[in-house]
Amino acid sequence: MKALAEQGYAYPQFGLAAMYAKGQGVEQSDSQAYAWWSAAAENGYSSAAKARGTLASYMSERDLATAKKLAKEYWIKYVLE
């Protein structure tokens, strides 16, 4: 799934984010989940924006700042390219 997410496909990006959010098959990471949901949202998967917003409401300001930085990196790598 990660390979497809890295190729810019929104549905695998959404799924990978959910895996990071739950720690299923990967180490749990709210920052990774936020970043992948951001990429999926930018690629047109509307449910990703809602999931990202819900996650953000539970994150500390510090963790959210880190996640937003990572999301910007992913936007450049997995949305623009």
C-alpha atoms as a PDB file:
ATOM      1  CA  MET A   1       0.000   0.000   0.000  1.00  0.00           C
ATOM      2  CA  LYS A   2       2.844   2.401   0.790  1.00  0.00           C
ATOM      3  CA  ALA A   3       4.232   2.125  -2.744  1.00  0.00           C
ATOM      4  CA  LEU A   4       0.864   3.138  -4.217  1.00  0.00           C
ATOM      5  CA  ALA A   5       0.516   5.951  -1.688  1.00  0.00           C
ATOM      6  CA  GLU A   6       3.939   7.246  -2.671  1.00  0.00           C
ATOM      7  CA  GLN A   7       2.853   7.184  -6.324  1.00  0.00           C
ATOM      8  CA  GLY A   8       0.156   9.712  -5.467  1.00  0.00           C
ATOM      9  CA  TYR A   9      -2.966   7.546  -5.288  1.00  0.00           C
ATOM     10  CA  ALA A  10      -5.468   9.031  -2.841  1.00  0.00           C
ATOM     11  CA  TYR A  11      -7.194   5.833  -1.673  1.00  0.00           C
ATOM     12  CA  PRO A  12      -3.950   4.102  -0.612  1.00  0.00           C
ATOM     13  CA  GLN A  13      -2.836   7.355   1.037  1.00  0.00           C
ATOM     14  CA  PHE A  14      -6.053   7.345   3.045  1.00  0.00           C
ATOM     15  CA  GLY A  15      -5.579   3.685   3.989  1.00  0.00           C
ATOM     16  CA  LEU A  16      -1.953   4.167   4.981  1.00  0.00           C
ATOM     17  CA  ALA A  17      -2.959   7.105   7.173  1.00  0.00           C
ATOM     18  CA  ALA A  18      -5.519   4.913   8.928  1.00  0.00           C
ATOM     19  CA  MET A  19      -2.857   2.269   9.494  1.00  0.00           C
ATOM     20  CA  TYR A  20      -0.563   4.849  11.127  1.00  0.00           C
ATOM     21  CA  ALA A  21      -3.415   6.234  13.216  1.00  0.00           C
ATOM     22  CA  LYS A  22      -4.212   2.766  14.585  1.00  0.00           C
ATOM     23  CA  GLY A  23      -0.708   1.283  14.555  1.00  0.00           C
ATOM     24  CA  GLN A  24      -1.819  -1.578  12.300  1.00  0.00           C
ATOM     25  CA  GLY A  25       1.144  -3.092  10.478  1.00  0.00           C
ATOM     26  CA  VAL A  26       3.232   0.032  11.173  1.00  0.00           C
ATOM     27  CA  GLU A  27       4.398   1.867  14.261  1.00  0.00           C
ATOM     28  CA  GLN A  28       1.595   4.150  15.454  1.00  0.00           C
ATOM     29  CA  SER A  29       2.244   7.770  14.505  1.00  0.00           C
ATOM     30  CA  ASP A  30      -0.235  10.619  14.604  1.00  0.00           C
ATOM     31  CA  SER A  31       2.158  12.787  12.584  1.00  0.00           C
ATOM     32  CA  GLN A  32       2.374  10.194   9.807  1.00  0.00           C
ATOM     33  CA  ALA A  33      -1.399   9.717   9.847  1.00  0.00           C
ATOM     34  CA  TYR A  34      -1.966  13.466   9.614  1.00  0.00           C
ATOM     35  CA  ALA A  35       0.528  13.835   6.766  1.00  0.00           C
ATOM     36  CA  TRP A  36      -0.922  10.961   4.728  1.00  0.00           C
ATOM     37  CA  TRP A  37      -4.495  12.143   5.293  1.00  0.00           C
ATOM     38  CA  SER A  38      -3.373  15.578   4.140  1.00  0.00           C
ATOM     39  CA  ALA A  39      -1.915  14.113   0.951  1.00  0.00           C
ATOM     40  CA  ALA A  40      -5.089  12.111   0.306  1.00  0.00           C
ATOM     41  CA  ALA A  41      -7.232  15.205   0.872  1.00  0.00           C
ATOM     42  CA  GLU A  42      -5.119  17.224  -1.553  1.00  0.00           C
ATOM     43  CA  ASN A  43      -5.504  14.397  -4.072  1.00  0.00           C
ATOM     44  CA  GLY A  44      -9.278  14.696  -3.904  1.00  0.00           C
ATOM     45  CA  TYR A  45     -10.289  12.157  -1.246  1.00  0.00           C
ATOM     46  CA  SER A  46     -12.784  14.239   0.734  1.00  0.00           C
ATOM     47  CA  SER A  47     -13.097  11.852   3.692  1.00  0.00           C
ATOM     48  CA  ALA A  48      -9.401  12.354   4.375  1.00  0.00           C
ATOM     49  CA  ALA A  49      -9.896  15.999   5.317  1.00  0.00           C
ATOM     50  CA  LYS A  50     -12.506  15.017   7.913  1.00  0.00           C
ATOM     51  CA  ALA A  51     -10.265  12.297   9.372  1.00  0.00           C
ATOM     52  CA  ARG A  52      -7.332  14.724   9.480  1.00  0.00           C
ATOM     53  CA  GLY A  53      -9.442  17.307  11.284  1.00  0.00           C
ATOM     54  CA  THR A  54     -10.631  14.817  13.854  1.00  0.00           C
ATOM     55  CA  LEU A  55      -7.087  13.670  14.520  1.00  0.00           C
ATOM     56  CA  ALA A  56      -5.827  17.255  14.761  1.00  0.00           C
ATOM     57  CA  SER A  57      -8.385  18.021  17.470  1.00  0.00           C
ATOM     58  CA  TYR A  58      -6.682  15.464  19.728  1.00  0.00           C
ATOM     59  CA  MET A  59      -3.081  16.482  19.030  1.00  0.00           C
ATOM     60  CA  SER A  60      -0.974  18.868  21.088  1.00  0.00           C
ATOM     61  CA  GLU A  61       0.113  22.114  19.429  1.00  0.00           C
ATOM     62  CA  ARG A  62       3.683  20.837  19.269  1.00  0.00           C
ATOM     63  CA  ASP A  63       2.720  17.528  17.673  1.00  0.00           C
ATOM     64  CA  LEU A  64       0.380  19.277  15.255  1.00  0.00           C
ATOM     65  CA  ALA A  65       3.164  21.640  14.172  1.00  0.00           C
ATOM     66  CA  THR A  66       5.401  18.635  13.489  1.00  0.00           C
ATOM     67  CA  ALA A  67       2.606  16.917  11.566  1.00  0.00           C
ATOM     68  CA  LYS A  68       1.938  20.004   9.454  1.00  0.00           C
ATOM     69  CA  LYS A  69       5.621  20.226   8.546  1.00  0.00           C
ATOM     70  CA  LEU A  70       5.604  16.581   7.486  1.00  0.00           C
ATOM     71  CA  ALA A  71       2.361  17.138   5.555  1.00  0.00           C
ATOM     72  CA  LYS A  72       4.023  19.927   3.601  1.00  0.00           C
ATOM     73  CA  GLU A  73       6.896  17.600   2.689  1.00  0.00           C
ATOM     74  CA  TYR A  74       4.424  14.923   1.566  1.00  0.00           C
ATOM     75  CA  TRP A  75       2.439  17.480  -0.413  1.00  0.00           C
ATOM     76  CA  ILE A  76       5.577  18.309  -2.392  1.00  0.00           C
ATOM     77  CA  LYS A  77       6.616  14.660  -2.819  1.00  0.00           C
ATOM     78  CA  TYR A  78       3.306  12.877  -3.291  1.00  0.00           C
ATOM     79  CA  VAL A  79       0.853  15.460  -4.623  1.00  0.00           C
ATOM     80  CA  LEU A  80       2.770  17.891  -6.795  1.00  0.00           C
ATOM     81  CA  GLU A  81       5.026  15.378  -8.518  1.00  0.00           C
END
